[in-house]
Amino acid sequence: MKFLIDNNLSPELAKSLSESGFDSVHVQMLNKSSASDEEIFQIAHEEKRIIITADVDFGYILSKWKYNLPSIILFRFFPYNPIIQFGNIIKVIEEYSNDLINGSIIVIEPSRVRIKRLPF
């Protein structure tokens, strides 16, 4: 799996995923720190990456999108702690890898995980 970490999350998250064997980049590594959400979405689509973000605007972009990829992992009301976030992402990968590969938005909240398959 390939991941694109949004600017609103720590580059440490990309590093931890890479160290675990995943192809993971942070938008800063691509010199796209000031890119719009639409640009990030397009990069993820072209490079077949799963977006990991805390930005709910990606849900709006998906609502207009006609395709089932890229998938999105969205943190909502979640601690800004890359170690805790990493642990939750690994659990999501283990439990929902088929959904991520085939197109889904997975929302991780402190008390639950929600999933919606794409396209809406």
N, C-alpha and C. Protein backbone atom coordinates (compact mmCIF):
# COMPACT_ATOMS: atom_id res chain seq x y z
N MET A 1 0.84 -1.18 0.00
CA MET A 1 0.00 0.00 0.00
C MET A 1 0.88 1.24 0.00
N LYS A 2 0.37 2.26 -0.66
CA LYS A 2 1.08 3.53 -0.75
C LYS A 2 0.24 4.61 -0.08
N PHE A 3 0.90 5.46 0.69
CA PHE A 3 0.19 6.49 1.46
C PHE A 3 0.74 7.87 1.17
N LEU A 4 -0.16 8.85 1.23
CA LEU A 4 0.18 10.27 1.14
C LEU A 4 -0.35 10.92 2.41
N ILE A 5 0.55 11.44 3.23
CA ILE A 5 0.18 12.06 4.50
C ILE A 5 -0.02 13.55 4.27
N ASP A 6 -1.18 14.03 4.66
CA ASP A 6 -1.54 15.43 4.48
C ASP A 6 -0.73 16.33 5.42
N ASN A 7 -0.68 17.60 5.07
CA ASN A 7 0.12 18.58 5.81
C ASN A 7 -0.35 18.79 7.24
N ASN A 8 -1.60 18.45 7.54
CA ASN A 8 -2.11 18.68 8.89
C ASN A 8 -1.73 17.55 9.86
N LEU A 9 -0.96 16.58 9.39
CA LEU A 9 -0.44 15.51 10.24
C LEU A 9 1.09 15.55 10.21
N SER A 10 1.69 14.95 11.19
CA SER A 10 3.14 15.01 11.36
C SER A 10 3.88 14.18 10.30
N PRO A 11 5.02 14.70 9.83
CA PRO A 11 5.88 13.90 8.95
C PRO A 11 6.36 12.62 9.64
N GLU A 12 6.35 12.60 10.96
CA GLU A 12 6.74 11.39 11.71
C GLU A 12 5.83 10.21 11.37
N LEU A 13 4.60 10.51 11.04
CA LEU A 13 3.66 9.44 10.66
C LEU A 13 4.11 8.77 9.37
N ALA A 14 4.54 9.55 8.41
CA ALA A 14 5.06 8.99 7.15
C ALA A 14 6.32 8.18 7.42
N LYS A 15 7.16 8.69 8.28
CA LYS A 15 8.41 7.99 8.62
C LYS A 15 8.10 6.64 9.27
N SER A 16 7.18 6.61 10.22
CA SER A 16 6.82 5.36 10.90
C SER A 16 6.23 4.34 9.92
N LEU A 17 5.39 4.80 9.02
CA LEU A 17 4.81 3.89 8.02
C LEU A 17 5.90 3.35 7.08
N SER A 18 6.81 4.21 6.68
CA SER A 18 7.91 3.78 5.81
C SER A 18 8.80 2.75 6.51
N GLU A 19 9.09 3.00 7.78
CA GLU A 19 9.90 2.06 8.54
C GLU A 19 9.21 0.71 8.73
N SER A 20 7.88 0.70 8.58
CA SER A 20 7.11 -0.54 8.70
C SER A 20 6.93 -1.22 7.35
N GLY A 21 7.58 -0.69 6.32
CA GLY A 21 7.55 -1.34 5.01
C GLY A 21 6.55 -0.78 4.01
N PHE A 22 5.88 0.31 4.35
CA PHE A 22 4.91 0.91 3.44
C PHE A 22 5.56 2.05 2.66
N ASP A 23 5.12 2.23 1.45
CA ASP A 23 5.54 3.36 0.62
C ASP A 23 4.73 4.56 1.10
N SER A 24 5.36 5.43 1.85
CA SER A 24 4.65 6.53 2.49
C SER A 24 5.43 7.83 2.34
N VAL A 25 4.73 8.88 1.91
CA VAL A 25 5.35 10.20 1.79
C VAL A 25 4.44 11.24 2.44
N HIS A 26 5.07 12.24 2.96
CA HIS A 26 4.36 13.40 3.51
C HIS A 26 4.37 14.48 2.43
N VAL A 27 3.34 15.31 2.39
CA VAL A 27 3.29 16.35 1.35
C VAL A 27 4.52 17.25 1.39
N GLN A 28 5.11 17.44 2.57
CA GLN A 28 6.33 18.25 2.67
C GLN A 28 7.47 17.63 1.87
N MET A 29 7.52 16.30 1.83
CA MET A 29 8.58 15.61 1.10
C MET A 29 8.44 15.82 -0.41
N LEU A 30 7.23 16.14 -0.85
CA LEU A 30 6.96 16.40 -2.26
C LEU A 30 7.00 17.89 -2.58
N ASN A 31 7.41 18.70 -1.60
CA ASN A 31 7.39 20.16 -1.75
C ASN A 31 6.01 20.67 -2.09
N LYS A 32 4.98 20.10 -1.45
CA LYS A 32 3.59 20.47 -1.70
C LYS A 32 2.89 20.95 -0.44
N SER A 33 3.65 21.53 0.48
CA SER A 33 3.07 21.98 1.75
C SER A 33 1.96 23.00 1.55
N SER A 34 2.05 23.81 0.51
CA SER A 34 1.03 24.83 0.28
C SER A 34 0.02 24.42 -0.79
N ALA A 35 0.04 23.15 -1.18
CA ALA A 35 -0.89 22.67 -2.20
C ALA A 35 -2.32 22.67 -1.68
N SER A 36 -3.25 22.90 -2.57
CA SER A 36 -4.66 22.86 -2.20
C SER A 36 -5.08 21.41 -1.97
N ASP A 37 -6.21 21.24 -1.32
CA ASP A 37 -6.74 19.89 -1.10
C ASP A 37 -6.98 19.18 -2.43
N GLU A 38 -7.45 19.90 -3.41
CA GLU A 38 -7.70 19.31 -4.73
C GLU A 38 -6.40 18.82 -5.36
N GLU A 39 -5.32 19.58 -5.21
CA GLU A 39 -4.02 19.16 -5.74
C GLU A 39 -3.53 17.89 -5.05
N ILE A 40 -3.67 17.85 -3.74
CA ILE A 40 -3.25 16.67 -2.98
C ILE A 40 -4.07 15.47 -3.41
N PHE A 41 -5.35 15.68 -3.58
CA PHE A 41 -6.25 14.62 -4.03
C PHE A 41 -5.81 14.10 -5.40
N GLN A 42 -5.46 15.00 -6.30
CA GLN A 42 -5.03 14.61 -7.64
C GLN A 42 -3.71 13.84 -7.60
N ILE A 43 -2.78 14.27 -6.77
CA ILE A 43 -1.50 13.56 -6.62
C ILE A 43 -1.77 12.13 -6.14
N ALA A 44 -2.61 12.01 -5.13
CA ALA A 44 -2.93 10.68 -4.60
C ALA A 44 -3.57 9.80 -5.67
N HIS A 45 -4.44 10.39 -6.45
CA HIS A 45 -5.10 9.62 -7.51
C HIS A 45 -4.09 9.16 -8.57
N GLU A 46 -3.24 10.06 -9.01
CA GLU A 46 -2.26 9.73 -10.05
C GLU A 46 -1.23 8.72 -9.57
N GLU A 47 -0.82 8.81 -8.30
CA GLU A 47 0.21 7.92 -7.77
C GLU A 47 -0.37 6.70 -7.05
N LYS A 48 -1.70 6.58 -7.10
CA LYS A 48 -2.40 5.45 -6.46
C LYS A 48 -2.04 5.34 -4.97
N ARG A 49 -2.16 6.47 -4.28
CA ARG A 49 -1.86 6.54 -2.86
C ARG A 49 -3.14 6.73 -2.06
N ILE A 50 -3.14 6.24 -0.85
CA ILE A 50 -4.23 6.44 0.10
C ILE A 50 -3.89 7.71 0.89
N ILE A 51 -4.83 8.62 0.96
CA ILE A 51 -4.61 9.87 1.69
C ILE A 51 -4.90 9.62 3.17
N ILE A 52 -3.99 10.09 4.01
CA ILE A 52 -4.21 10.09 5.46
C ILE A 52 -4.25 11.55 5.89
N THR A 53 -5.34 11.96 6.52
CA THR A 53 -5.56 13.37 6.81
C THR A 53 -6.40 13.55 8.06
N ALA A 54 -6.48 14.79 8.52
CA ALA A 54 -7.41 15.19 9.57
C ALA A 54 -8.32 16.28 9.03
N ASP A 55 -8.32 16.46 7.73
CA ASP A 55 -9.07 17.53 7.06
C ASP A 55 -10.38 16.97 6.50
N VAL A 56 -11.50 17.40 7.08
CA VAL A 56 -12.80 16.89 6.64
C VAL A 56 -13.18 17.37 5.24
N ASP A 57 -12.46 18.36 4.70
CA ASP A 57 -12.76 18.83 3.34
C ASP A 57 -12.58 17.74 2.30
N PHE A 58 -11.77 16.73 2.58
CA PHE A 58 -11.59 15.65 1.62
C PHE A 58 -12.88 14.87 1.42
N GLY A 59 -13.71 14.81 2.42
CA GLY A 59 -15.02 14.18 2.28
C GLY A 59 -15.88 14.93 1.27
N TYR A 60 -15.80 16.25 1.28
CA TYR A 60 -16.54 17.06 0.30
C TYR A 60 -16.03 16.80 -1.11
N ILE A 61 -14.72 16.73 -1.26
CA ILE A 61 -14.14 16.44 -2.58
C ILE A 61 -14.63 15.08 -3.06
N LEU A 62 -14.64 14.10 -2.17
CA LEU A 62 -15.12 12.77 -2.53
C LEU A 62 -16.58 12.78 -2.96
N SER A 63 -17.38 13.65 -2.37
CA SER A 63 -18.80 13.69 -2.72
C SER A 63 -19.02 14.11 -4.17
N LYS A 64 -18.04 14.81 -4.75
CA LYS A 64 -18.14 15.23 -6.15
C LYS A 64 -17.35 14.31 -7.09
N TRP A 65 -16.56 13.42 -6.52
CA TRP A 65 -15.68 12.54 -7.27
C TRP A 65 -16.47 11.36 -7.81
N LYS A 66 -16.20 10.95 -9.03
CA LYS A 66 -16.97 9.88 -9.67
C LYS A 66 -16.29 8.52 -9.59
N TYR A 67 -15.12 8.47 -9.02
CA TYR A 67 -14.34 7.25 -9.01
C TYR A 67 -14.26 6.66 -7.60
N ASN A 68 -13.77 5.44 -7.51
CA ASN A 68 -13.69 4.81 -6.21
C ASN A 68 -12.31 4.94 -5.56
N LEU A 69 -11.38 5.63 -6.19
CA LEU A 69 -10.06 5.85 -5.61
C LEU A 69 -9.66 7.30 -5.80
N PRO A 70 -8.89 7.89 -4.93
CA PRO A 70 -8.15 7.27 -3.84
C PRO A 70 -8.99 7.09 -2.59
N SER A 71 -8.59 6.13 -1.80
CA SER A 71 -9.19 5.95 -0.48
C SER A 71 -8.64 7.01 0.46
N ILE A 72 -9.37 7.23 1.54
CA ILE A 72 -8.96 8.22 2.53
C ILE A 72 -9.10 7.63 3.92
N ILE A 73 -8.10 7.85 4.74
CA ILE A 73 -8.18 7.59 6.17
C ILE A 73 -8.24 8.96 6.84
N LEU A 74 -9.33 9.21 7.54
CA LEU A 74 -9.58 10.52 8.13
C LEU A 74 -9.64 10.43 9.64
N PHE A 75 -8.79 11.19 10.32
CA PHE A 75 -8.84 11.29 11.77
C PHE A 75 -9.80 12.41 12.16
N ARG A 76 -10.78 12.08 13.02
CA ARG A 76 -11.74 13.08 13.52
C ARG A 76 -11.70 13.09 15.03
N PHE A 77 -11.60 14.26 15.62
CA PHE A 77 -11.59 14.43 17.07
C PHE A 77 -10.54 13.53 17.71
N PHE A 78 -9.40 13.45 17.08
CA PHE A 78 -8.37 12.49 17.48
C PHE A 78 -7.15 13.22 18.00
N PRO A 79 -6.44 12.66 18.98
CA PRO A 79 -5.24 13.31 19.51
C PRO A 79 -4.18 13.51 18.42
N TYR A 80 -3.53 14.66 18.47
CA TYR A 80 -2.44 14.92 17.54
C TYR A 80 -1.18 14.30 18.10
N ASN A 81 -1.10 13.01 17.97
CA ASN A 81 0.05 12.26 18.47
C ASN A 81 0.38 11.20 17.42
N PRO A 82 1.49 11.38 16.68
CA PRO A 82 1.80 10.46 15.59
C PRO A 82 1.96 9.00 16.02
N ILE A 83 2.37 8.77 17.25
CA ILE A 83 2.52 7.38 17.72
C ILE A 83 1.16 6.72 17.86
N ILE A 84 0.21 7.43 18.48
CA ILE A 84 -1.14 6.90 18.62
C ILE A 84 -1.81 6.77 17.26
N GLN A 85 -1.64 7.77 16.39
CA GLN A 85 -2.22 7.71 15.05
C GLN A 85 -1.65 6.52 14.28
N PHE A 86 -0.35 6.30 14.36
CA PHE A 86 0.28 5.18 13.67
C PHE A 86 -0.34 3.85 14.10
N GLY A 87 -0.49 3.65 15.40
CA GLY A 87 -1.08 2.41 15.89
C GLY A 87 -2.48 2.18 15.35
N ASN A 88 -3.25 3.26 15.24
CA ASN A 88 -4.60 3.14 14.72
C ASN A 88 -4.61 2.87 13.22
N ILE A 89 -3.67 3.46 12.50
CA ILE A 89 -3.58 3.20 11.06
C ILE A 89 -3.22 1.74 10.81
N ILE A 90 -2.30 1.21 11.57
CA ILE A 90 -1.93 -0.20 11.41
C ILE A 90 -3.14 -1.11 11.64
N LYS A 91 -3.95 -0.81 12.67
CA LYS A 91 -5.17 -1.59 12.91
C LYS A 91 -6.13 -1.49 11.73
N VAL A 92 -6.28 -0.30 11.18
CA VAL A 92 -7.17 -0.11 10.02
C VAL A 92 -6.66 -0.90 8.82
N ILE A 93 -5.35 -0.85 8.59
CA ILE A 93 -4.77 -1.61 7.47
C ILE A 93 -5.05 -3.11 7.66
N GLU A 94 -4.85 -3.59 8.87
CA GLU A 94 -5.06 -5.02 9.13
C GLU A 94 -6.52 -5.43 8.94
N GLU A 95 -7.45 -4.59 9.37
CA GLU A 95 -8.87 -4.94 9.33
C GLU A 95 -9.57 -4.56 8.03
N TYR A 96 -9.09 -3.53 7.35
CA TYR A 96 -9.84 -2.99 6.22
C TYR A 96 -8.99 -2.87 4.95
N SER A 97 -7.97 -3.69 4.79
CA SER A 97 -7.08 -3.54 3.64
C SER A 97 -7.84 -3.68 2.31
N ASN A 98 -8.77 -4.61 2.21
CA ASN A 98 -9.54 -4.76 0.96
C ASN A 98 -10.35 -3.52 0.66
N ASP A 99 -10.94 -2.93 1.70
CA ASP A 99 -11.72 -1.71 1.51
C ASP A 99 -10.83 -0.56 1.05
N LEU A 100 -9.63 -0.46 1.62
CA LEU A 100 -8.71 0.60 1.20
C LEU A 100 -8.26 0.41 -0.24
N ILE A 101 -8.00 -0.82 -0.62
CA ILE A 101 -7.56 -1.11 -1.99
C ILE A 101 -8.66 -0.81 -3.00
N ASN A 102 -9.90 -1.11 -2.63
CA ASN A 102 -11.02 -0.97 -3.56
C ASN A 102 -11.73 0.37 -3.51
N GLY A 103 -11.39 1.20 -2.55
CA GLY A 103 -11.95 2.55 -2.48
C GLY A 103 -12.92 2.76 -1.35
N SER A 104 -12.47 3.45 -0.31
CA SER A 104 -13.30 3.74 0.86
C SER A 104 -12.79 4.99 1.55
N ILE A 105 -13.67 5.57 2.33
CA ILE A 105 -13.24 6.57 3.30
C ILE A 105 -13.43 5.91 4.66
N ILE A 106 -12.37 5.90 5.44
CA ILE A 106 -12.39 5.31 6.77
C ILE A 106 -12.13 6.43 7.76
N VAL A 107 -13.10 6.63 8.64
CA VAL A 107 -13.03 7.70 9.63
C VAL A 107 -12.66 7.07 10.97
N ILE A 108 -11.54 7.53 11.52
CA ILE A 108 -11.08 7.04 12.82
C ILE A 108 -11.40 8.11 13.86
N GLU A 109 -12.24 7.74 14.81
CA GLU A 109 -12.57 8.60 15.93
C GLU A 109 -12.07 7.93 17.20
N PRO A 110 -11.98 8.63 18.31
CA PRO A 110 -11.45 8.01 19.53
C PRO A 110 -12.20 6.75 19.97
N SER A 111 -13.51 6.69 19.73
CA SER A 111 -14.28 5.56 20.24
C SER A 111 -14.79 4.60 19.16
N ARG A 112 -14.54 4.91 17.89
CA ARG A 112 -15.05 4.03 16.83
C ARG A 112 -14.35 4.30 15.51
N VAL A 113 -14.57 3.35 14.58
CA VAL A 113 -14.10 3.48 13.21
C VAL A 113 -15.32 3.32 12.31
N ARG A 114 -15.48 4.27 11.38
CA ARG A 114 -16.59 4.19 10.42
C ARG A 114 -16.02 4.02 9.03
N ILE A 115 -16.77 3.31 8.18
CA ILE A 115 -16.30 3.08 6.82
C ILE A 115 -17.44 3.32 5.85
N LYS A 116 -17.10 3.93 4.73
CA LYS A 116 -18.05 4.17 3.65
C LYS A 116 -17.32 3.84 2.34
N ARG A 117 -17.88 2.95 1.58
CA ARG A 117 -17.27 2.56 0.31
C ARG A 117 -17.54 3.61 -0.77
N LEU A 118 -16.60 3.73 -1.68
CA LEU A 118 -16.69 4.71 -2.76
C LEU A 118 -17.11 4.03 -4.07
N PRO A 119 -17.64 4.80 -5.01
CA PRO A 119 -18.05 6.19 -4.88
C PRO A 119 -19.33 6.31 -4.07
N PHE A 120 -19.58 7.53 -3.55
CA PHE A 120 -20.79 7.77 -2.76
C PHE A 120 -22.00 7.63 -3.63
